[in-house]
Amino acid sequence: MLDDIFYIVYEDLLIDFDTQNSIVRFLFRNTGMAKVEGIIREIRKFKIRKSKRKPEISLLMVNRNGIETKSLTITKPEH
C-alpha cells in the first residue's frame, strides 16, 4: 500500500498526498502564495464526502393495532 504520493507542480513546488493520514502537504520556496492557494482550492473539491442516506420508501400498513409504517430500502436493479 502506498503511503505518500508526490507531485512536482512547479520548479520548487512539491505536493505530498499522505494517503494513510488523509493529509496534503505543500513544500515550496519561491512559488507565490496566490498559486499555492489556487491549487489548495482545487484540491478541496475532491475531499471525501459523507455518505448519503440510502434511498427508502415508507409503507403505511393497517394491522389490528392500527396504522403503522414500515420502511423498505430501495436497491438499484442489476442489469
PDB file of N, CA and C in Angstrom:
ATOM      1  N   MET A   1       0.844  -1.178   0.000  1.00  0.00           N
ATOM      2  CA  MET A   1       0.000   0.000   0.000  1.00  0.00           C
ATOM      3  C   MET A   1       0.888   1.240   0.000  1.00  0.00           C
ATOM      4  N   LEU A   2       0.513   2.204  -0.811  1.00  0.00           N
ATOM      5  CA  LEU A   2       1.263   3.455  -0.877  1.00  0.00           C
ATOM      6  C   LEU A   2       0.891   4.351   0.291  1.00  0.00           C
ATOM      7  N   ASP A   3       1.890   4.950   0.893  1.00  0.00           N
ATOM      8  CA  ASP A   3       1.623   5.886   1.983  1.00  0.00           C
ATOM      9  C   ASP A   3       1.625   7.315   1.501  1.00  0.00           C
ATOM     10  N   ASP A   4       2.537   7.665   0.599  1.00  0.00           N
ATOM     11  CA  ASP A   4       2.669   9.026   0.114  1.00  0.00           C
ATOM     12  C   ASP A   4       2.767   9.042  -1.404  1.00  0.00           C
ATOM     13  N   ILE A   5       2.117  10.025  -2.002  1.00  0.00           N
ATOM     14  CA  ILE A   5       2.224  10.267  -3.437  1.00  0.00           C
ATOM     15  C   ILE A   5       2.716  11.695  -3.587  1.00  0.00           C
ATOM     16  N   PHE A   6       3.784  11.872  -4.360  1.00  0.00           N
ATOM     17  CA  PHE A   6       4.385  13.185  -4.537  1.00  0.00           C
ATOM     18  C   PHE A   6       4.166  13.670  -5.960  1.00  0.00           C
ATOM     19  N   TYR A   7       3.830  14.966  -6.097  1.00  0.00           N
ATOM     20  CA  TYR A   7       3.709  15.607  -7.398  1.00  0.00           C
ATOM     21  C   TYR A   7       4.592  16.834  -7.412  1.00  0.00           C
ATOM     22  N   ILE A   8       5.395  16.970  -8.454  1.00  0.00           N
ATOM     23  CA  ILE A   8       6.173  18.191  -8.655  1.00  0.00           C
ATOM     24  C   ILE A   8       5.364  19.049  -9.610  1.00  0.00           C
ATOM     25  N   VAL A   9       4.886  20.202  -9.123  1.00  0.00           N
ATOM     26  CA  VAL A   9       3.995  21.041  -9.908  1.00  0.00           C
ATOM     27  C   VAL A   9       4.768  22.144 -10.610  1.00  0.00           C
ATOM     28  N   TYR A  10       5.547  22.877  -9.877  1.00  0.00           N
ATOM     29  CA  TYR A  10       6.416  23.912 -10.442  1.00  0.00           C
ATOM     30  C   TYR A  10       7.845  23.544 -10.078  1.00  0.00           C
ATOM     31  N   GLU A  11       8.773  24.357 -10.492  1.00  0.00           N
ATOM     32  CA  GLU A  11      10.181  24.055 -10.243  1.00  0.00           C
ATOM     33  C   GLU A  11      10.467  23.832  -8.763  1.00  0.00           C
ATOM     34  N   ASP A  12       9.790  24.570  -7.901  1.00  0.00           N
ATOM     35  CA  ASP A  12      10.062  24.439  -6.466  1.00  0.00           C
ATOM     36  C   ASP A  12       8.827  24.070  -5.650  1.00  0.00           C
ATOM     37  N   LEU A  13       7.757  23.602  -6.291  1.00  0.00           N
ATOM     38  CA  LEU A  13       6.537  23.249  -5.555  1.00  0.00           C
ATOM     39  C   LEU A  13       6.321  21.745  -5.613  1.00  0.00           C
ATOM     40  N   LEU A  14       6.352  21.128  -4.457  1.00  0.00           N
ATOM     41  CA  LEU A  14       6.133  19.696  -4.323  1.00  0.00           C
ATOM     42  C   LEU A  14       4.869  19.508  -3.481  1.00  0.00           C
ATOM     43  N   ILE A  15       3.955  18.671  -3.966  1.00  0.00           N
ATOM     44  CA  ILE A  15       2.730  18.372  -3.215  1.00  0.00           C
ATOM     45  C   ILE A  15       2.820  16.919  -2.762  1.00  0.00           C
ATOM     46  N   ASP A  16       2.657  16.719  -1.468  1.00  0.00           N
ATOM     47  CA  ASP A  16       2.734  15.399  -0.853  1.00  0.00           C
ATOM     48  C   ASP A  16       1.338  14.994  -0.396  1.00  0.00           C
ATOM     49  N   PHE A  17       0.780  13.963  -1.026  1.00  0.00           N
ATOM     50  CA  PHE A  17      -0.506  13.406  -0.615  1.00  0.00           C
ATOM     51  C   PHE A  17      -0.218  12.224   0.297  1.00  0.00           C
ATOM     52  N   ASP A  18      -0.446  12.403   1.589  1.00  0.00           N
ATOM     53  CA  ASP A  18      -0.262  11.344   2.573  1.00  0.00           C
ATOM     54  C   ASP A  18      -1.575  10.569   2.632  1.00  0.00           C
ATOM     55  N   THR A  19      -1.655   9.467   1.898  1.00  0.00           N
ATOM     56  CA  THR A  19      -2.920   8.739   1.756  1.00  0.00           C
ATOM     57  C   THR A  19      -3.323   8.010   3.024  1.00  0.00           C
ATOM     58  N   GLN A  20      -2.366   7.643   3.834  1.00  0.00           N
ATOM     59  CA  GLN A  20      -2.700   6.910   5.058  1.00  0.00           C
ATOM     60  C   GLN A  20      -3.363   7.821   6.087  1.00  0.00           C
ATOM     61  N   ASN A  21      -2.936   9.077   6.159  1.00  0.00           N
ATOM     62  CA  ASN A  21      -3.476  10.008   7.155  1.00  0.00           C
ATOM     63  C   ASN A  21      -4.404  11.056   6.564  1.00  0.00           C
ATOM     64  N   SER A  22      -4.675  10.979   5.249  1.00  0.00           N
ATOM     65  CA  SER A  22      -5.538  11.945   4.552  1.00  0.00           C
ATOM     66  C   SER A  22      -5.055  13.382   4.754  1.00  0.00           C
ATOM     67  N   ILE A  23      -3.766  13.588   4.513  1.00  0.00           N
ATOM     68  CA  ILE A  23      -3.159  14.903   4.671  1.00  0.00           C
ATOM     69  C   ILE A  23      -2.479  15.287   3.358  1.00  0.00           C
ATOM     70  N   VAL A  24      -2.563  16.574   3.011  1.00  0.00           N
ATOM     71  CA  VAL A  24      -1.859  17.100   1.848  1.00  0.00           C
ATOM     72  C   VAL A  24      -0.876  18.150   2.344  1.00  0.00           C
ATOM     73  N   ARG A  25       0.387  18.001   1.946  1.00  0.00           N
ATOM     74  CA  ARG A  25       1.425  18.958   2.347  1.00  0.00           C
ATOM     75  C   ARG A  25       1.959  19.664   1.114  1.00  0.00           C
ATOM     76  N   PHE A  26       2.228  20.965   1.244  1.00  0.00           N
ATOM     77  CA  PHE A  26       2.796  21.760   0.167  1.00  0.00           C
ATOM     78  C   PHE A  26       4.187  22.202   0.578  1.00  0.00           C
ATOM     79  N   LEU A  27       5.181  21.825  -0.205  1.00  0.00           N
ATOM     80  CA  LEU A  27       6.563  22.183   0.079  1.00  0.00           C
ATOM     81  C   LEU A  27       7.030  23.096  -1.055  1.00  0.00           C
ATOM     82  N   PHE A  28       7.353  24.352  -0.718  1.00  0.00           N
ATOM     83  CA  PHE A  28       7.756  25.301  -1.753  1.00  0.00           C
ATOM     84  C   PHE A  28       8.618  26.390  -1.134  1.00  0.00           C
ATOM     85  N   ARG A  29       9.322  27.102  -2.019  1.00  0.00           N
ATOM     86  CA  ARG A  29      10.195  28.169  -1.554  1.00  0.00           C
ATOM     87  C   ARG A  29       9.890  29.481  -2.278  1.00  0.00           C
ATOM     88  N   ASN A  30       9.817  29.446  -3.610  1.00  0.00           N
ATOM     89  CA  ASN A  30       9.657  30.676  -4.383  1.00  0.00           C
ATOM     90  C   ASN A  30       8.282  30.834  -5.034  1.00  0.00           C
ATOM     91  N   THR A  31       7.515  29.796  -5.123  1.00  0.00           N
ATOM     92  CA  THR A  31       6.193  29.886  -5.733  1.00  0.00           C
ATOM     93  C   THR A  31       5.322  30.821  -4.906  1.00  0.00           C
ATOM     94  N   GLY A  32       4.586  31.707  -5.600  1.00  0.00           N
ATOM     95  CA  GLY A  32       3.753  32.683  -4.904  1.00  0.00           C
ATOM     96  C   GLY A  32       2.584  32.035  -4.172  1.00  0.00           C
ATOM     97  N   MET A  33       2.194  32.650  -3.071  1.00  0.00           N
ATOM     98  CA  MET A  33       1.075  32.121  -2.264  1.00  0.00           C
ATOM     99  C   MET A  33      -0.220  32.086  -3.059  1.00  0.00           C
ATOM    100  N   ALA A  34      -0.406  33.012  -3.987  1.00  0.00           N
ATOM    101  CA  ALA A  34      -1.631  33.022  -4.788  1.00  0.00           C
ATOM    102  C   ALA A  34      -1.747  31.726  -5.599  1.00  0.00           C
ATOM    103  N   LYS A  35      -0.647  31.259  -6.162  1.00  0.00           N
ATOM    104  CA  LYS A  35      -0.664  29.997  -6.919  1.00  0.00           C
ATOM    105  C   LYS A  35      -0.947  28.813  -5.990  1.00  0.00           C
ATOM    106  N   VAL A  36      -0.300  28.799  -4.845  1.00  0.00           N
ATOM    107  CA  VAL A  36      -0.493  27.694  -3.891  1.00  0.00           C
ATOM    108  C   VAL A  36      -1.935  27.667  -3.399  1.00  0.00           C
ATOM    109  N   GLU A  37      -2.478  28.824  -3.054  1.00  0.00           N
ATOM    110  CA  GLU A  37      -3.864  28.883  -2.580  1.00  0.00           C
ATOM    111  C   GLU A  37      -4.840  28.464  -3.669  1.00  0.00           C
ATOM    112  N   GLY A  38      -4.540  28.784  -4.921  1.00  0.00           N
ATOM    113  CA  GLY A  38      -5.388  28.337  -6.033  1.00  0.00           C
ATOM    114  C   GLY A  38      -5.406  26.826  -6.145  1.00  0.00           C
ATOM    115  N   ILE A  39      -4.246  26.199  -5.983  1.00  0.00           N
ATOM    116  CA  ILE A  39      -4.170  24.736  -6.034  1.00  0.00           C
ATOM    117  C   ILE A  39      -4.910  24.130  -4.850  1.00  0.00           C
ATOM    118  N   ILE A  40      -4.788  24.747  -3.683  1.00  0.00           N
ATOM    119  CA  ILE A  40      -5.496  24.253  -2.491  1.00  0.00           C
ATOM    120  C   ILE A  40      -7.000  24.284  -2.723  1.00  0.00           C
ATOM    121  N   ARG A  41      -7.504  25.371  -3.298  1.00  0.00           N
ATOM    122  CA  ARG A  41      -8.952  25.464  -3.583  1.00  0.00           C
ATOM    123  C   ARG A  41      -9.402  24.345  -4.511  1.00  0.00           C
ATOM    124  N   GLU A  42      -8.600  24.039  -5.519  1.00  0.00           N
ATOM    125  CA  GLU A  42      -8.964  22.975  -6.455  1.00  0.00           C
ATOM    126  C   GLU A  42      -8.925  21.599  -5.793  1.00  0.00           C
ATOM    127  N   ILE A  43      -7.935  21.354  -4.951  1.00  0.00           N
ATOM    128  CA  ILE A  43      -7.820  20.061  -4.274  1.00  0.00           C
ATOM    129  C   ILE A  43      -8.975  19.856  -3.299  1.00  0.00           C
ATOM    130  N   ARG A  44      -9.420  20.920  -2.654  1.00  0.00           N
ATOM    131  CA  ARG A  44     -10.531  20.791  -1.688  1.00  0.00           C
ATOM    132  C   ARG A  44     -11.808  20.296  -2.341  1.00  0.00           C
ATOM    133  N   LYS A  45     -11.945  20.462  -3.634  1.00  0.00           N
ATOM    134  CA  LYS A  45     -13.135  19.976  -4.341  1.00  0.00           C
ATOM    135  C   LYS A  45     -13.219  18.454  -4.299  1.00  0.00           C
ATOM    136  N   PHE A  46     -12.089  17.791  -4.024  1.00  0.00           N
ATOM    137  CA  PHE A  46     -12.044  16.333  -4.046  1.00  0.00           C
ATOM    138  C   PHE A  46     -12.082  15.704  -2.668  1.00  0.00           C
ATOM    139  N   LYS A  47     -12.458  16.459  -1.654  1.00  0.00           N
ATOM    140  CA  LYS A  47     -12.498  15.882  -0.313  1.00  0.00           C
ATOM    141  C   LYS A  47     -13.557  14.795  -0.233  1.00  0.00           C
ATOM    142  N   ILE A  48     -13.380  13.914   0.702  1.00  0.00           N
ATOM    143  CA  ILE A  48     -14.311  12.804   0.872  1.00  0.00           C
ATOM    144  C   ILE A  48     -15.624  13.347   1.431  1.00  0.00           C
ATOM    145  N   ARG A  49     -16.685  12.994   0.774  1.00  0.00           N
ATOM    146  CA  ARG A  49     -17.999  13.436   1.223  1.00  0.00           C
ATOM    147  C   ARG A  49     -18.618  12.372   2.111  1.00  0.00           C
ATOM    148  N   LYS A  50     -19.420  12.829   3.031  1.00  0.00           N
ATOM    149  CA  LYS A  50     -20.130  11.894   3.899  1.00  0.00           C
ATOM    150  C   LYS A  50     -21.108  11.100   3.051  1.00  0.00           C
ATOM    151  N   SER A  51     -21.265   9.851   3.420  1.00  0.00           N
ATOM    152  CA  SER A  51     -22.172   9.015   2.655  1.00  0.00           C
ATOM    153  C   SER A  51     -23.605   9.499   2.817  1.00  0.00           C
ATOM    154  N   LYS A  52     -24.317   9.401   1.732  1.00  0.00           N
ATOM    155  CA  LYS A  52     -25.714   9.807   1.748  1.00  0.00           C
ATOM    156  C   LYS A  52     -26.557   8.672   2.313  1.00  0.00           C
ATOM    157  N   ARG A  53     -27.709   9.051   2.790  1.00  0.00           N
ATOM    158  CA  ARG A  53     -28.616   8.013   3.276  1.00  0.00           C
ATOM    159  C   ARG A  53     -29.069   7.155   2.109  1.00  0.00           C
ATOM    160  N   LYS A  54     -29.284   5.892   2.390  1.00  0.00           N
ATOM    161  CA  LYS A  54     -29.784   5.003   1.347  1.00  0.00           C
ATOM    162  C   LYS A  54     -31.231   5.374   1.042  1.00  0.00           C
ATOM    163  N   PRO A  55     -31.604   5.322  -0.223  1.00  0.00           N
ATOM    164  CA  PRO A  55     -32.998   5.647  -0.562  1.00  0.00           C
ATOM    165  C   PRO A  55     -33.946   4.606   0.029  1.00  0.00           C
ATOM    166  N   GLU A  56     -35.040   5.094   0.555  1.00  0.00           N
ATOM    167  CA  GLU A  56     -36.020   4.166   1.114  1.00  0.00           C
ATOM    168  C   GLU A  56     -37.424   4.729   0.895  1.00  0.00           C
ATOM    169  N   ILE A  57     -38.373   3.869   1.045  1.00  0.00           N
ATOM    170  CA  ILE A  57     -39.784   4.225   0.923  1.00  0.00           C
ATOM    171  C   ILE A  57     -40.491   3.704   2.169  1.00  0.00           C
ATOM    172  N   SER A  58     -41.437   4.475   2.657  1.00  0.00           N
ATOM    173  CA  SER A  58     -42.202   4.048   3.836  1.00  0.00           C
ATOM    174  C   SER A  58     -43.603   3.648   3.401  1.00  0.00           C
ATOM    175  N   LEU A  59     -44.032   2.505   3.879  1.00  0.00           N
ATOM    176  CA  LEU A  59     -45.364   1.999   3.577  1.00  0.00           C
ATOM    177  C   LEU A  59     -46.254   2.177   4.794  1.00  0.00           C
ATOM    178  N   LEU A  60     -47.496   2.557   4.540  1.00  0.00           N
ATOM    179  CA  LEU A  60     -48.494   2.594   5.613  1.00  0.00           C
ATOM    180  C   LEU A  60     -49.165   1.234   5.657  1.00  0.00           C
ATOM    181  N   MET A  61     -49.175   0.650   6.824  1.00  0.00           N
ATOM    182  CA  MET A  61     -49.773  -0.676   6.969  1.00  0.00           C
ATOM    183  C   MET A  61     -50.845  -0.630   8.053  1.00  0.00           C
ATOM    184  N   VAL A  62     -51.938  -1.300   7.784  1.00  0.00           N
ATOM    185  CA  VAL A  62     -53.015  -1.391   8.763  1.00  0.00           C
ATOM    186  C   VAL A  62     -52.953  -2.795   9.380  1.00  0.00           C
ATOM    187  N   ASN A  63     -52.902  -2.834  10.694  1.00  0.00           N
ATOM    188  CA  ASN A  63     -52.948  -4.117  11.389  1.00  0.00           C
ATOM    189  C   ASN A  63     -53.967  -4.004  12.518  1.00  0.00           C
ATOM    190  N   ARG A  64     -54.064  -4.992  13.332  1.00  0.00           N
ATOM    191  CA  ARG A  64     -55.101  -4.979  14.377  1.00  0.00           C
ATOM    192  C   ARG A  64     -54.850  -3.913  15.443  1.00  0.00           C
ATOM    193  N   ASN A  65     -53.619  -3.382  15.519  1.00  0.00           N
ATOM    194  CA  ASN A  65     -53.313  -2.325  16.480  1.00  0.00           C
ATOM    195  C   ASN A  65     -53.487  -0.924  15.904  1.00  0.00           C
ATOM    196  N   GLY A  66     -53.806  -0.831  14.626  1.00  0.00           N
ATOM    197  CA  GLY A  66     -53.966   0.473  13.996  1.00  0.00           C
ATOM    198  C   GLY A  66     -53.064   0.591  12.771  1.00  0.00           C
ATOM    199  N   ILE A  67     -52.646   1.818  12.505  1.00  0.00           N
ATOM    200  CA  ILE A  67     -51.798   2.087  11.337  1.00  0.00           C
ATOM    201  C   ILE A  67     -50.353   2.237  11.807  1.00  0.00           C
ATOM    202  N   GLU A  68     -49.455   1.618  11.064  1.00  0.00           N
ATOM    203  CA  GLU A  68     -48.033   1.763  11.345  1.00  0.00           C
ATOM    204  C   GLU A  68     -47.289   1.919  10.025  1.00  0.00           C
ATOM    205  N   THR A  69     -46.054   2.344  10.112  1.00  0.00           N
ATOM    206  CA  THR A  69     -45.233   2.480   8.905  1.00  0.00           C
ATOM    207  C   THR A  69     -44.148   1.415   8.908  1.00  0.00           C
ATOM    208  N   LYS A  70     -43.768   1.036   7.708  1.00  0.00           N
ATOM    209  CA  LYS A  70     -42.668   0.100   7.533  1.00  0.00           C
ATOM    210  C   LYS A  70     -41.757   0.682   6.461  1.00  0.00           C
ATOM    211  N   SER A  71     -40.475   0.836   6.770  1.00  0.00           N
ATOM    212  CA  SER A  71     -39.519   1.382   5.814  1.00  0.00           C
ATOM    213  C   SER A  71     -38.838   0.263   5.049  1.00  0.00           C
ATOM    214  N   LEU A  72     -38.742   0.441   3.743  1.00  0.00           N
ATOM    215  CA  LEU A  72     -38.065  -0.517   2.878  1.00  0.00           C
ATOM    216  C   LEU A  72     -36.959   0.206   2.125  1.00  0.00           C
ATOM    217  N   THR A  73     -35.780  -0.373   2.108  1.00  0.00           N
ATOM    218  CA  THR A  73     -34.662   0.201   1.371  1.00  0.00           C
ATOM    219  C   THR A  73     -34.838  -0.099  -0.109  1.00  0.00           C
ATOM    220  N   ILE A  74     -34.604   0.902  -0.931  1.00  0.00           N
ATOM    221  CA  ILE A  74     -34.700   0.739  -2.388  1.00  0.00           C
ATOM    222  C   ILE A  74     -33.313   0.406  -2.894  1.00  0.00           C
ATOM    223  N   THR A  75     -33.201  -0.678  -3.639  1.00  0.00           N
ATOM    224  CA  THR A  75     -31.917  -1.063  -4.210  1.00  0.00           C
ATOM    225  C   THR A  75     -31.915  -0.828  -5.705  1.00  0.00           C
ATOM    226  N   LYS A  76     -30.736  -0.526  -6.230  1.00  0.00           N
ATOM    227  CA  LYS A  76     -30.583  -0.298  -7.664  1.00  0.00           C
ATOM    228  C   LYS A  76     -30.654  -1.653  -8.376  1.00  0.00           C
ATOM    229  N   PRO A  77     -31.497  -1.743  -9.396  1.00  0.00           N
ATOM    230  CA  PRO A  77     -31.602  -3.024 -10.104  1.00  0.00           C
ATOM    231  C   PRO A  77     -30.318  -3.331 -10.869  1.00  0.00           C
ATOM    232  N   GLU A  78     -29.958  -4.603 -10.913  1.00  0.00           N
ATOM    233  CA  GLU A  78     -28.784  -5.014 -11.677  1.00  0.00           C
ATOM    234  C   GLU A  78     -29.185  -5.241 -13.123  1.00  0.00           C
ATOM    235  N   HIS A  79     -28.282  -4.876 -14.018  1.00  0.00           N
ATOM    236  CA  HIS A  79     -28.568  -5.048 -15.456  1.00  0.00           C
ATOM    237  C   HIS A  79     -27.963  -6.301 -15.983  1.00  0.00           C
TER     238      HIS A  79
END
